[in-house]
PDB file of N, CA and C in Angstrom:
ATOM      1  N   UNK A   1       3.696   1.945  -6.827  1.00  0.00           N
ATOM      2  CA  UNK A   1       4.316   1.586  -5.575  1.00  0.00           C
ATOM      3  C   UNK A   1       3.680   0.288  -5.096  1.00  0.00           C
ATOM      4  N   UNK A   2       4.514  -0.590  -4.572  1.00  0.00           N
ATOM      5  CA  UNK A   2       4.044  -1.879  -4.082  1.00  0.00           C
ATOM      6  C   UNK A   2       4.246  -1.977  -2.585  1.00  0.00           C
ATOM      7  N   UNK A   3       3.265  -2.489  -1.888  1.00  0.00           N
ATOM      8  CA  UNK A   3       3.389  -2.822  -0.476  1.00  0.00           C
ATOM      9  C   UNK A   3       3.635  -4.321  -0.432  1.00  0.00           C
ATOM     10  N   UNK A   4       4.893  -4.708  -0.250  1.00  0.00           N
ATOM     11  CA  UNK A   4       5.299  -6.111  -0.328  1.00  0.00           C
ATOM     12  C   UNK A   4       5.361  -6.719   1.070  1.00  0.00           C
ATOM     13  N   UNK A   5       4.423  -7.576   1.359  1.00  0.00           N
ATOM     14  CA  UNK A   5       4.343  -8.250   2.661  1.00  0.00           C
ATOM     15  C   UNK A   5       4.304  -7.274   3.838  1.00  0.00           C
ATOM     16  N   UNK A   6       3.632  -6.164   3.648  1.00  0.00           N
ATOM     17  CA  UNK A   6       3.433  -5.208   4.744  1.00  0.00           C
ATOM     18  C   UNK A   6       1.963  -4.801   4.717  1.00  0.00           C
ATOM     19  N   UNK A   7       1.350  -4.723   5.865  1.00  0.00           N
ATOM     20  CA  UNK A   7      -0.061  -4.347   5.922  1.00  0.00           C
ATOM     21  C   UNK A   7      -0.238  -2.903   5.488  1.00  0.00           C
ATOM     22  N   UNK A   8      -1.235  -2.645   4.656  1.00  0.00           N
ATOM     23  CA  UNK A   8      -1.482  -1.275   4.230  1.00  0.00           C
ATOM     24  C   UNK A   8      -1.828  -0.394   5.413  1.00  0.00           C
ATOM     25  N   UNK A   9      -2.361  -0.991   6.483  1.00  0.00           N
ATOM     26  CA  UNK A   9      -2.686  -0.213   7.680  1.00  0.00           C
ATOM     27  C   UNK A   9      -1.442   0.373   8.341  1.00  0.00           C
ATOM     28  N   UNK A  10      -0.272  -0.200   8.057  1.00  0.00           N
ATOM     29  CA  UNK A  10       0.980   0.267   8.641  1.00  0.00           C
ATOM     30  C   UNK A  10       1.645   1.343   7.795  1.00  0.00           C
ATOM     31  N   UNK A  11       0.947   1.834   6.787  1.00  0.00           N
ATOM     32  CA  UNK A  11       1.508   2.852   5.889  1.00  0.00           C
ATOM     33  C   UNK A  11       0.576   4.060   5.838  1.00  0.00           C
ATOM     34  N   UNK A  12       1.078   5.193   5.359  1.00  0.00           N
ATOM     35  CA  UNK A  12       0.178   6.337   5.184  1.00  0.00           C
ATOM     36  C   UNK A  12      -0.701   6.207   3.955  1.00  0.00           C
ATOM     37  N   UNK A  13      -0.512   5.162   3.162  1.00  0.00           N
ATOM     38  CA  UNK A  13      -1.329   4.964   1.972  1.00  0.00           C
ATOM     39  C   UNK A  13      -1.143   6.078   0.966  1.00  0.00           C
ATOM     40  N   UNK A  14      -2.177   6.401   0.244  1.00  0.00           N
ATOM     41  CA  UNK A  14      -2.077   7.414  -0.806  1.00  0.00           C
ATOM     42  C   UNK A  14      -1.968   8.829  -0.254  1.00  0.00           C
ATOM     43  N   UNK A  15      -2.212   9.021   1.034  1.00  0.00           N
ATOM     44  CA  UNK A  15      -2.149  10.365   1.618  1.00  0.00           C
ATOM     45  C   UNK A  15      -0.757  10.976   1.499  1.00  0.00           C
ATOM     46  N   UNK A  16       0.270  10.162   1.432  1.00  0.00           N
ATOM     47  CA  UNK A  16       1.642  10.672   1.371  1.00  0.00           C
ATOM     48  C   UNK A  16       2.203  10.656  -0.049  1.00  0.00           C
ATOM     49  N   UNK A  17       1.366  10.362  -1.030  1.00  0.00           N
ATOM     50  CA  UNK A  17       1.831  10.243  -2.406  1.00  0.00           C
ATOM     51  C   UNK A  17       1.210  11.314  -3.296  1.00  0.00           C
ATOM     52  N   UNK A  18       1.875  11.640  -4.402  1.00  0.00           N
ATOM     53  CA  UNK A  18       1.245  12.547  -5.369  1.00  0.00           C
ATOM     54  C   UNK A  18      -0.007  11.890  -5.962  1.00  0.00           C
ATOM     55  N   UNK A  19      -0.940  12.710  -6.417  1.00  0.00           N
ATOM     56  CA  UNK A  19      -2.156  12.179  -7.035  1.00  0.00           C
ATOM     57  C   UNK A  19      -1.799  11.258  -8.199  1.00  0.00           C
ATOM     58  N   UNK A  20      -2.552  10.182  -8.325  1.00  0.00           N
ATOM     59  CA  UNK A  20      -2.409   9.296  -9.465  1.00  0.00           C
ATOM     60  C   UNK A  20      -1.381   8.189  -9.321  1.00  0.00           C
ATOM     61  N   UNK A  21      -0.688   8.103  -8.204  1.00  0.00           N
ATOM     62  CA  UNK A  21       0.283   7.019  -8.014  1.00  0.00           C
ATOM     63  C   UNK A  21      -0.480   5.765  -7.605  1.00  0.00           C
ATOM     64  N   UNK A  22      -0.421   4.715  -8.429  1.00  0.00           N
ATOM     65  CA  UNK A  22      -1.132   3.493  -8.054  1.00  0.00           C
ATOM     66  C   UNK A  22      -0.404   2.751  -6.937  1.00  0.00           C
ATOM     67  N   UNK A  23      -1.172   2.102  -6.086  1.00  0.00           N
ATOM     68  CA  UNK A  23      -0.617   1.303  -4.995  1.00  0.00           C
ATOM     69  C   UNK A  23      -1.018  -0.149  -5.231  1.00  0.00           C
ATOM     70  N   UNK A  24      -0.027  -1.033  -5.177  1.00  0.00           N
ATOM     71  CA  UNK A  24      -0.253  -2.459  -5.311  1.00  0.00           C
ATOM     72  C   UNK A  24       0.098  -3.130  -3.992  1.00  0.00           C
ATOM     73  N   UNK A  25      -0.502  -4.274  -3.738  1.00  0.00           N
ATOM     74  CA  UNK A  25      -0.249  -5.022  -2.510  1.00  0.00           C
ATOM     75  C   UNK A  25      -0.038  -6.482  -2.907  1.00  0.00           C
ATOM     76  N   UNK A  26       1.097  -7.046  -2.503  1.00  0.00           N
ATOM     77  CA  UNK A  26       1.315  -8.459  -2.772  1.00  0.00           C
ATOM     78  C   UNK A  26       2.355  -9.037  -1.826  1.00  0.00           C
ATOM     79  N   UNK A  27       2.726 -10.276  -2.102  1.00  0.00           N
ATOM     80  CA  UNK A  27       3.733 -10.959  -1.296  1.00  0.00           C
ATOM     81  C   UNK A  27       5.109 -10.721  -1.906  1.00  0.00           C
ATOM     82  N   UNK A  28       6.138 -10.735  -1.090  1.00  0.00           N
ATOM     83  CA  UNK A  28       7.498 -10.566  -1.600  1.00  0.00           C
ATOM     84  C   UNK A  28       7.803 -11.638  -2.634  1.00  0.00           C
ATOM     85  N   UNK A  29       7.296 -12.841  -2.439  1.00  0.00           N
ATOM     86  CA  UNK A  29       7.530 -13.921  -3.397  1.00  0.00           C
ATOM     87  C   UNK A  29       6.990 -13.586  -4.788  1.00  0.00           C
ATOM     88  N   UNK A  30       6.012 -12.683  -4.886  1.00  0.00           N
ATOM     89  CA  UNK A  30       5.419 -12.317  -6.173  1.00  0.00           C
ATOM     90  C   UNK A  30       6.102 -11.123  -6.834  1.00  0.00           C
ATOM     91  N   UNK A  31       6.983 -10.448  -6.142  1.00  0.00           N
ATOM     92  CA  UNK A  31       7.641  -9.263  -6.699  1.00  0.00           C
ATOM     93  C   UNK A  31       8.416  -9.585  -7.983  1.00  0.00           C
ATOM     94  N   UNK A  32       9.193 -10.662  -8.074  1.00  0.00           N
ATOM     95  CA  UNK A  32       9.895 -10.934  -9.334  1.00  0.00           C
ATOM     96  C   UNK A  32       8.956 -11.110 -10.528  1.00  0.00           C
ATOM     97  N   UNK A  33       7.756 -11.610 -10.291  1.00  0.00           N
ATOM     98  CA  UNK A  33       6.790 -11.847 -11.367  1.00  0.00           C
ATOM     99  C   UNK A  33       6.209 -10.550 -11.924  1.00  0.00           C
ATOM    100  N   UNK A  34       5.922  -9.588 -11.041  1.00  0.00           N
ATOM    101  CA  UNK A  34       5.199  -8.392 -11.509  1.00  0.00           C
ATOM    102  C   UNK A  34       5.902  -7.075 -11.197  1.00  0.00           C
ATOM    103  N   UNK A  35       7.206  -7.094 -10.945  1.00  0.00           N
ATOM    104  CA  UNK A  35       7.883  -5.858 -10.556  1.00  0.00           C
ATOM    105  C   UNK A  35       8.007  -4.846 -11.688  1.00  0.00           C
ATOM    106  N   UNK A  36       7.736  -5.224 -12.917  1.00  0.00           N
ATOM    107  CA  UNK A  36       7.749  -4.240 -14.001  1.00  0.00           C
ATOM    108  C   UNK A  36       6.616  -3.229 -13.842  1.00  0.00           C
ATOM    109  N   UNK A  37       5.632  -3.554 -13.004  1.00  0.00           N
ATOM    110  CA  UNK A  37       4.485  -2.671 -12.793  1.00  0.00           C
ATOM    111  C   UNK A  37       4.748  -1.555 -11.807  1.00  0.00           C
ATOM    112  N   UNK A  38       5.837  -1.621 -11.033  1.00  0.00           N
ATOM    113  CA  UNK A  38       6.145  -0.591 -10.034  1.00  0.00           C
ATOM    114  C   UNK A  38       7.653  -0.527  -9.835  1.00  0.00           C
ATOM    115  N   UNK A  39       8.157   0.656  -9.569  1.00  0.00           N
ATOM    116  CA  UNK A  39       9.600   0.793  -9.340  1.00  0.00           C
ATOM    117  C   UNK A  39       9.924   1.241  -7.920  1.00  0.00           C
ATOM    118  N   UNK A  40       8.917   1.322  -7.068  1.00  0.00           N
ATOM    119  CA  UNK A  40       9.102   1.624  -5.650  1.00  0.00           C
ATOM    120  C   UNK A  40       8.344   0.565  -4.861  1.00  0.00           C
ATOM    121  N   UNK A  41       8.952   0.081  -3.800  1.00  0.00           N
ATOM    122  CA  UNK A  41       8.303  -0.910  -2.943  1.00  0.00           C
ATOM    123  C   UNK A  41       8.567  -0.569  -1.489  1.00  0.00           C
ATOM    124  N   UNK A  42       7.639  -0.949  -0.636  1.00  0.00           N
ATOM    125  CA  UNK A  42       7.792  -0.816   0.811  1.00  0.00           C
ATOM    126  C   UNK A  42       7.605  -2.206   1.392  1.00  0.00           C
ATOM    127  N   UNK A  43       8.506  -2.597   2.293  1.00  0.00           N
ATOM    128  CA  UNK A  43       8.437  -3.925   2.895  1.00  0.00           C
ATOM    129  C   UNK A  43       8.749  -3.833   4.376  1.00  0.00           C
ATOM    130  N   UNK A  44       8.535  -4.943   5.075  1.00  0.00           N
ATOM    131  CA  UNK A  44       8.986  -5.052   6.460  1.00  0.00           C
ATOM    132  C   UNK A  44      10.501  -4.911   6.467  1.00  0.00           C
ATOM    133  N   UNK A  45      11.055  -4.521   7.594  1.00  0.00           N
ATOM    134  CA  UNK A  45      12.484  -4.239   7.689  1.00  0.00           C
ATOM    135  C   UNK A  45      13.405  -5.401   7.426  1.00  0.00           C
ATOM    136  N   UNK A  46      12.958  -6.626   7.673  1.00  0.00           N
ATOM    137  CA  UNK A  46      13.853  -7.765   7.495  1.00  0.00           C
ATOM    138  C   UNK A  46      13.733  -8.412   6.116  1.00  0.00           C
ATOM    139  N   UNK A  47      12.984  -7.809   5.206  1.00  0.00           N
ATOM    140  CA  UNK A  47      12.782  -8.365   3.869  1.00  0.00           C
ATOM    141  C   UNK A  47      14.002  -8.122   2.985  1.00  0.00           C
ATOM    142  N   UNK A  48      14.020  -8.819   1.867  1.00  0.00           N
ATOM    143  CA  UNK A  48      15.072  -8.640   0.876  1.00  0.00           C
ATOM    144  C   UNK A  48      14.427  -8.582  -0.499  1.00  0.00           C
ATOM    145  N   UNK A  49      14.721  -7.541  -1.254  1.00  0.00           N
ATOM    146  CA  UNK A  49      14.218  -7.393  -2.624  1.00  0.00           C
ATOM    147  C   UNK A  49      15.424  -7.202  -3.539  1.00  0.00           C
ATOM    148  N   UNK A  50      16.029  -8.285  -4.025  1.00  0.00           N
ATOM    149  CA  UNK A  50      17.278  -8.198  -4.771  1.00  0.00           C
ATOM    150  C   UNK A  50      17.227  -7.315  -6.018  1.00  0.00           C
ATOM    151  N   UNK A  51      16.073  -7.195  -6.656  1.00  0.00           N
ATOM    152  CA  UNK A  51      15.965  -6.379  -7.863  1.00  0.00           C
ATOM    153  C   UNK A  51      15.982  -4.880  -7.562  1.00  0.00           C
ATOM    154  N   UNK A  52      15.883  -4.512  -6.292  1.00  0.00           N
ATOM    155  CA  UNK A  52      15.756  -3.127  -5.852  1.00  0.00           C
ATOM    156  C   UNK A  52      16.938  -2.742  -4.969  1.00  0.00           C
ATOM    157  N   UNK A  53      17.156  -1.444  -4.835  1.00  0.00           N
ATOM    158  CA  UNK A  53      18.157  -0.977  -3.864  1.00  0.00           C
ATOM    159  C   UNK A  53      17.405  -0.311  -2.715  1.00  0.00           C
ATOM    160  N   UNK A  54      17.859  -0.564  -1.508  1.00  0.00           N
ATOM    161  CA  UNK A  54      17.208  -0.042  -0.313  1.00  0.00           C
ATOM    162  C   UNK A  54      17.581   1.426  -0.140  1.00  0.00           C
ATOM    163  N   UNK A  55      16.558   2.290  -0.036  1.00  0.00           N
ATOM    164  CA  UNK A  55      16.789   3.721   0.154  1.00  0.00           C
ATOM    165  C   UNK A  55      16.870   4.093   1.624  1.00  0.00           C
ATOM    166  N   UNK A  56      16.119   3.402   2.469  1.00  0.00           N
ATOM    167  CA  UNK A  56      16.121   3.706   3.898  1.00  0.00           C
ATOM    168  C   UNK A  56      15.041   2.937   4.622  1.00  0.00           C
ATOM    169  N   UNK A  57      15.174   2.871   5.932  1.00  0.00           N
ATOM    170  CA  UNK A  57      14.197   2.176   6.768  1.00  0.00           C
ATOM    171  C   UNK A  57      13.722   3.119   7.871  1.00  0.00           C
ATOM    172  N   UNK A  58      12.516   2.894   8.340  1.00  0.00           N
ATOM    173  CA  UNK A  58      11.885   3.765   9.312  1.00  0.00           C
ATOM    174  C   UNK A  58      11.137   2.931  10.344  1.00  0.00           C
ATOM    175  N   UNK A  59      11.071   3.412  11.559  1.00  0.00           N
ATOM    176  CA  UNK A  59      10.263   2.743  12.575  1.00  0.00           C
ATOM    177  C   UNK A  59       8.934   3.469  12.690  1.00  0.00           C
ATOM    178  N   UNK A  60       7.922   2.743  13.115  1.00  0.00           N
ATOM    179  CA  UNK A  60       6.602   3.353  13.256  1.00  0.00           C
ATOM    180  C   UNK A  60       5.662   2.459  14.014  1.00  0.00           C
ATOM    181  N   UNK A  61       4.409   2.862  14.100  1.00  0.00           N
ATOM    182  CA  UNK A  61       3.358   2.125  14.794  1.00  0.00           C
ATOM    183  C   UNK A  61       3.740   1.823  16.242  1.00  0.00           C
ATOM    184  N   UNK A  62       3.897   2.875  17.015  1.00  0.00           N
ATOM    185  CA  UNK A  62       4.221   2.711  18.436  1.00  0.00           C
ATOM    186  C   UNK A  62       3.017   2.164  19.183  1.00  0.00           C
ATOM    187  N   UNK A  63       3.291   1.344  20.187  1.00  0.00           N
ATOM    188  CA  UNK A  63       2.210   0.844  21.022  1.00  0.00           C
ATOM    189  C   UNK A  63       1.852   1.909  22.067  1.00  0.00           C
ATOM    190  N   UNK A  64       0.953   1.583  22.976  1.00  0.00           N
ATOM    191  CA  UNK A  64       0.473   2.563  23.956  1.00  0.00           C
ATOM    192  C   UNK A  64       1.566   3.051  24.909  1.00  0.00           C
ATOM    193  N   UNK A  65       2.661   2.313  25.005  1.00  0.00           N
ATOM    194  CA  UNK A  65       3.775   2.727  25.865  1.00  0.00           C
ATOM    195  C   UNK A  65       4.804   3.556  25.112  1.00  0.00           C
ATOM    196  N   UNK A  66       4.567   3.761  23.802  1.00  0.00           N
ATOM    197  CA  UNK A  66       5.512   4.526  22.997  1.00  0.00           C
ATOM    198  C   UNK A  66       6.654   3.691  22.453  1.00  0.00           C
ATOM    199  N   UNK A  67       6.523   2.386  22.508  1.00  0.00           N
ATOM    200  CA  UNK A  67       7.567   1.496  21.996  1.00  0.00           C
ATOM    201  C   UNK A  67       7.241   1.158  20.541  1.00  0.00           C
ATOM    202  N   UNK A  68       8.194   1.465  19.654  1.00  0.00           N
ATOM    203  CA  UNK A  68       7.994   1.189  18.238  1.00  0.00           C
ATOM    204  C   UNK A  68       8.193  -0.294  17.966  1.00  0.00           C
ATOM    205  N   UNK A  69       7.227  -0.889  17.284  1.00  0.00           N
ATOM    206  CA  UNK A  69       7.264  -2.331  17.044  1.00  0.00           C
ATOM    207  C   UNK A  69       7.597  -2.678  15.603  1.00  0.00           C
ATOM    208  N   UNK A  70       7.287  -1.824  14.675  1.00  0.00           N
ATOM    209  CA  UNK A  70       7.457  -2.156  13.263  1.00  0.00           C
ATOM    210  C   UNK A  70       8.561  -1.327  12.625  1.00  0.00           C
ATOM    211  N   UNK A  71       9.164  -1.911  11.600  1.00  0.00           N
ATOM    212  CA  UNK A  71      10.199  -1.242  10.835  1.00  0.00           C
ATOM    213  C   UNK A  71       9.887  -1.488   9.366  1.00  0.00           C
ATOM    214  N   UNK A  72       9.799  -0.436   8.585  1.00  0.00           N
ATOM    215  CA  UNK A  72       9.501  -0.548   7.160  1.00  0.00           C
ATOM    216  C   UNK A  72      10.658   0.035   6.363  1.00  0.00           C
ATOM    217  N   UNK A  73      10.931  -0.571   5.220  1.00  0.00           N
ATOM    218  CA  UNK A  73      12.000  -0.102   4.346  1.00  0.00           C
ATOM    219  C   UNK A  73      11.421   0.292   2.998  1.00  0.00           C
ATOM    220  N   UNK A  74      12.019   1.316   2.394  1.00  0.00           N
ATOM    221  CA  UNK A  74      11.627   1.797   1.071  1.00  0.00           C
ATOM    222  C   UNK A  74      12.702   1.357   0.081  1.00  0.00           C
ATOM    223  N   UNK A  75      12.251   0.785  -1.018  1.00  0.00           N
ATOM    224  CA  UNK A  75      13.122   0.240  -2.049  1.00  0.00           C
ATOM    225  C   UNK A  75      12.838   0.916  -3.386  1.00  0.00           C
ATOM    226  N   UNK A  76      13.858   0.994  -4.255  1.00  0.00           N
ATOM    227  CA  UNK A  76      13.701   1.626  -5.572  1.00  0.00           C
ATOM    228  C   UNK A  76      14.362   0.759  -6.637  1.00  0.00           C
ATOM    229  N   UNK A  77      13.666   0.579  -7.731  1.00  0.00           N
ATOM    230  CA  UNK A  77      14.206  -0.115  -8.906  1.00  0.00           C
ATOM    231  C   UNK A  77      14.408   0.910  -9.997  1.00  0.00           C
ATOM    232  N   UNK A  78      15.547   0.876 -10.676  1.00  0.00           N
ATOM    233  CA  UNK A  78      15.770   1.791 -11.794  1.00  0.00           C
ATOM    234  C   UNK A  78      14.805   1.462 -12.924  1.00  0.00           C
ATOM    235  N   UNK A  79      14.469   2.465 -13.697  1.00  0.00           N
ATOM    236  CA  UNK A  79      13.595   2.263 -14.845  1.00  0.00           C
ATOM    237  C   UNK A  79      12.164   2.652 -14.556  1.00  0.00           C
ATOM    238  N   UNK A  80      11.365   2.567 -15.575  1.00  0.00           N
ATOM    239  CA  UNK A  80       9.966   2.956 -15.482  1.00  0.00           C
ATOM    240  C   UNK A  80       9.062   1.807 -15.089  1.00  0.00           C
ATOM    241  N   UNK A  81       7.779   2.019 -15.326  1.00  0.00           N
ATOM    242  CA  UNK A  81       6.768   1.043 -14.952  1.00  0.00           C
ATOM    243  C   UNK A  81       5.919   0.699 -16.168  1.00  0.00           C
ATOM    244  N   UNK A  82       5.468  -0.537 -16.236  1.00  0.00           N
ATOM    245  CA  UNK A  82       4.613  -1.003 -17.317  1.00  0.00           C
ATOM    246  C   UNK A  82       3.194  -1.143 -16.792  1.00  0.00           C
ATOM    247  N   UNK A  83       2.257  -0.330 -17.302  1.00  0.00           N
ATOM    248  CA  UNK A  83       0.870  -0.428 -16.824  1.00  0.00           C
ATOM    249  C   UNK A  83       0.275  -1.815 -17.070  1.00  0.00           C
ATOM    250  N   UNK A  84      -0.532  -2.270 -16.127  1.00  0.00           N
ATOM    251  CA  UNK A  84      -1.256  -3.522 -16.274  1.00  0.00           C
ATOM    252  C   UNK A  84      -0.499  -4.774 -15.870  1.00  0.00           C
ATOM    253  N   UNK A  85       0.780  -4.653 -15.489  1.00  0.00           N
ATOM    254  CA  UNK A  85       1.544  -5.837 -15.094  1.00  0.00           C
ATOM    255  C   UNK A  85       1.132  -6.299 -13.701  1.00  0.00           C
ATOM    256  N   UNK A  86       1.051  -5.379 -12.763  1.00  0.00           N
ATOM    257  CA  UNK A  86       0.665  -5.710 -11.388  1.00  0.00           C
ATOM    258  C   UNK A  86      -0.840  -5.536 -11.231  1.00  0.00           C
ATOM    259  N   UNK A  87      -1.414  -6.315 -10.339  1.00  0.00           N
ATOM    260  CA  UNK A  87      -2.852  -6.227 -10.085  1.00  0.00           C
ATOM    261  C   UNK A  87      -3.115  -5.277  -8.933  1.00  0.00           C
ATOM    262  N   UNK A  88      -4.109  -4.404  -9.064  1.00  0.00           N
ATOM    263  CA  UNK A  88      -4.448  -3.535  -7.932  1.00  0.00           C
ATOM    264  C   UNK A  88      -5.021  -4.363  -6.789  1.00  0.00           C
ATOM    265  N   UNK A  89      -4.914  -3.853  -5.567  1.00  0.00           N
ATOM    266  CA  UNK A  89      -5.456  -4.611  -4.430  1.00  0.00           C
ATOM    267  C   UNK A  89      -6.972  -4.674  -4.476  1.00  0.00           C
ATOM    268  N   UNK A  90      -7.498  -5.675  -3.812  1.00  0.00           N
ATOM    269  CA  UNK A  90      -8.947  -5.792  -3.703  1.00  0.00           C
ATOM    270  C   UNK A  90      -9.481  -4.661  -2.830  1.00  0.00           C
ATOM    271  N   UNK A  91     -10.702  -4.268  -3.074  1.00  0.00           N
ATOM    272  CA  UNK A  91     -11.320  -3.243  -2.243  1.00  0.00           C
ATOM    273  C   UNK A  91     -11.375  -3.759  -0.813  1.00  0.00           C
ATOM    274  N   UNK A  92     -10.964  -2.930   0.116  1.00  0.00           N
ATOM    275  CA  UNK A  92     -10.909  -3.373   1.512  1.00  0.00           C
ATOM    276  C   UNK A  92     -11.991  -2.699   2.357  1.00  0.00           C
ATOM    277  N   UNK A  93     -13.120  -2.479   1.755  1.00  0.00           N
ATOM    278  CA  UNK A  93     -14.233  -1.871   2.476  1.00  0.00           C
ATOM    279  C   UNK A  93     -14.639  -2.750   3.646  1.00  0.00           C
ATOM    280  N   UNK A  94     -14.983  -2.144   4.754  1.00  0.00           N
ATOM    281  CA  UNK A  94     -15.577  -2.944   5.838  1.00  0.00           C
ATOM    282  C   UNK A  94     -16.907  -3.528   5.360  1.00  0.00           C
ATOM    283  N   UNK A  95     -17.316  -4.665   5.892  1.00  0.00           N
ATOM    284  CA  UNK A  95     -18.547  -5.309   5.435  1.00  0.00           C
ATOM    285  C   UNK A  95     -19.779  -4.409   5.451  1.00  0.00           C
ATOM    286  N   UNK A  96     -19.839  -3.471   6.362  1.00  0.00           N
ATOM    287  CA  UNK A  96     -20.992  -2.571   6.407  1.00  0.00           C
ATOM    288  C   UNK A  96     -21.126  -1.773   5.115  1.00  0.00           C
ATOM    289  N   UNK A  97     -19.990  -1.474   4.469  1.00  0.00           N
ATOM    290  CA  UNK A  97     -19.997  -0.608   3.297  1.00  0.00           C
ATOM    291  C   UNK A  97     -19.918  -1.355   1.973  1.00  0.00           C
ATOM    292  N   UNK A  98     -19.999  -2.686   1.987  1.00  0.00           N
ATOM    293  CA  UNK A  98     -19.935  -3.426   0.731  1.00  0.00           C
ATOM    294  C   UNK A  98     -20.991  -4.520   0.713  1.00  0.00           C
ATOM    295  N   UNK A  99     -21.338  -4.941  -0.527  1.00  0.00           N
ATOM    296  CA  UNK A  99     -22.302  -6.026  -0.660  1.00  0.00           C
ATOM    297  C   UNK A  99     -21.562  -7.366  -0.671  1.00  0.00           C
ATOM    298  N   UNK A 100     -22.264  -8.448  -0.914  1.00  0.00           N
ATOM    299  CA  UNK A 100     -21.663  -9.786  -0.854  1.00  0.00           C
ATOM    300  C   UNK A 100     -20.563  -9.982  -1.900  1.00  0.00           C
ATOM    301  N   UNK A 101     -20.588  -9.213  -2.984  1.00  0.00           N
ATOM    302  CA  UNK A 101     -19.569  -9.319  -4.022  1.00  0.00           C
ATOM    303  C   UNK A 101     -18.395  -8.351  -3.790  1.00  0.00           C
ATOM    304  N   UNK A 102     -18.445  -7.587  -2.695  1.00  0.00           N
ATOM    305  CA  UNK A 102     -17.370  -6.649  -2.396  1.00  0.00           C
ATOM    306  C   UNK A 102     -17.512  -5.291  -3.057  1.00  0.00           C
ATOM    307  N   UNK A 103     -18.632  -5.042  -3.712  1.00  0.00           N
ATOM    308  CA  UNK A 103     -18.866  -3.743  -4.361  1.00  0.00           C
ATOM    309  C   UNK A 103     -19.352  -2.735  -3.326  1.00  0.00           C
ATOM    310  N   UNK A 104     -19.002  -1.461  -3.498  1.00  0.00           N
ATOM    311  CA  UNK A 104     -19.449  -0.443  -2.534  1.00  0.00           C
ATOM    312  C   UNK A 104     -20.966  -0.347  -2.455  1.00  0.00           C
ATOM    313  N   UNK A 105     -21.490  -0.193  -1.228  1.00  0.00           N
ATOM    314  CA  UNK A 105     -22.912   0.064  -1.005  1.00  0.00           C
ATOM    315  C   UNK A 105     -23.074   1.566  -0.843  1.00  0.00           C
ATOM    316  N   UNK A 106     -23.384   2.244  -1.937  1.00  0.00           N
ATOM    317  CA  UNK A 106     -23.460   3.705  -1.921  1.00  0.00           C
ATOM    318  C   UNK A 106     -24.578   4.204  -1.015  1.00  0.00           C
ATOM    319  N   UNK A 107     -25.571   3.364  -0.741  1.00  0.00           N
ATOM    320  CA  UNK A 107     -26.635   3.791   0.166  1.00  0.00           C
ATOM    321  C   UNK A 107     -26.124   3.907   1.596  1.00  0.00           C
ATOM    322  N   UNK A 108     -24.980   3.307   1.906  1.00  0.00           N
ATOM    323  CA  UNK A 108     -24.413   3.378   3.250  1.00  0.00           C
ATOM    324  C   UNK A 108     -23.178   4.269   3.331  1.00  0.00           C
ATOM    325  N   UNK A 109     -22.759   4.801   2.205  1.00  0.00           N
ATOM    326  CA  UNK A 109     -21.571   5.657   2.177  1.00  0.00           C
ATOM    327  C   UNK A 109     -22.040   7.092   1.995  1.00  0.00           C
ATOM    328  N   UNK A 110     -21.645   7.933   2.897  1.00  0.00           N
ATOM    329  CA  UNK A 110     -22.057   9.340   2.851  1.00  0.00           C
ATOM    330  C   UNK A 110     -20.836  10.217   2.635  1.00  0.00           C
ATOM    331  N   UNK A 111     -20.902  11.019   1.613  1.00  0.00           N
ATOM    332  CA  UNK A 111     -19.810  11.955   1.356  1.00  0.00           C
ATOM    333  C   UNK A 111     -19.957  13.173   2.283  1.00  0.00           C
ATOM    334  N   UNK A 112     -18.856  13.833   2.536  1.00  0.00           N
ATOM    335  CA  UNK A 112     -18.921  15.071   3.306  1.00  0.00           C
ATOM    336  C   UNK A 112     -19.495  16.171   2.427  1.00  0.00           C
ATOM    337  N   UNK A 113     -20.335  16.995   3.010  1.00  0.00           N
ATOM    338  CA  UNK A 113     -20.927  18.129   2.286  1.00  0.00           C
ATOM    339  C   UNK A 113     -20.388  19.415   2.895  1.00  0.00           C
ATOM    340  N   UNK A 114     -20.358  20.485   2.103  1.00  0.00           N
ATOM    341  CA  UNK A 114     -19.933  21.772   2.658  1.00  0.00           C
ATOM    342  C   UNK A 114     -20.846  22.180   3.812  1.00  0.00           C
ATOM    343  N   UNK A 115     -20.296  22.882   4.780  1.00  0.00           N
ATOM    344  CA  UNK A 115     -21.097  23.358   5.905  1.00  0.00           C
ATOM    345  C   UNK A 115     -22.232  24.247   5.416  1.00  0.00           C
ATOM    346  N   UNK A 116     -23.361  24.166   6.093  1.00  0.00           N
ATOM    347  CA  UNK A 116     -24.509  24.990   5.741  1.00  0.00           C
ATOM    348  C   UNK A 116     -25.456  24.304   4.766  1.00  0.00           C
ATOM    349  N   UNK A 117     -25.170  23.094   4.361  1.00  0.00           N
ATOM    350  CA  UNK A 117     -26.066  22.384   3.437  1.00  0.00           C
ATOM    351  C   UNK A 117     -26.917  21.398   4.169  1.00  0.00           C
TER     352      UNK A 117
END
C-alpha cells in the first residue's frame, strides 16, 4: 500500500491492515515509476492516479470544532505487486528515540511488560 502525497499521520497506518502488508510513502509524481510495488494507494481527495481506479473517499481529522478538514481516497490497481520496486519509508522516530544516523536508540525505547513484572 502506498501513501501518495498524504501524511502518514492522517491515516490509521498498519493498525488497520492485515499483518505483513508493507506501507510505502511517496509523491504522486513518483507513482508511475514504482507502482508495480503496490496495488493499493491512498491519496488526498483532489489527487488523480490514472493507473488506478478510485474505490471511495472518506473525510477525517476533525478539528476541535468537529469540522472535517481532510479527505482521503483509496485507489486500487489490478494485478499483483513486485517486491523491491518501491522503497520503504524512512524511519520516522522522534529525535529522542534515534541517533544522528536515524537508527533506533534502544536504550531510550522501553517495551511494555506484562503486569506484575
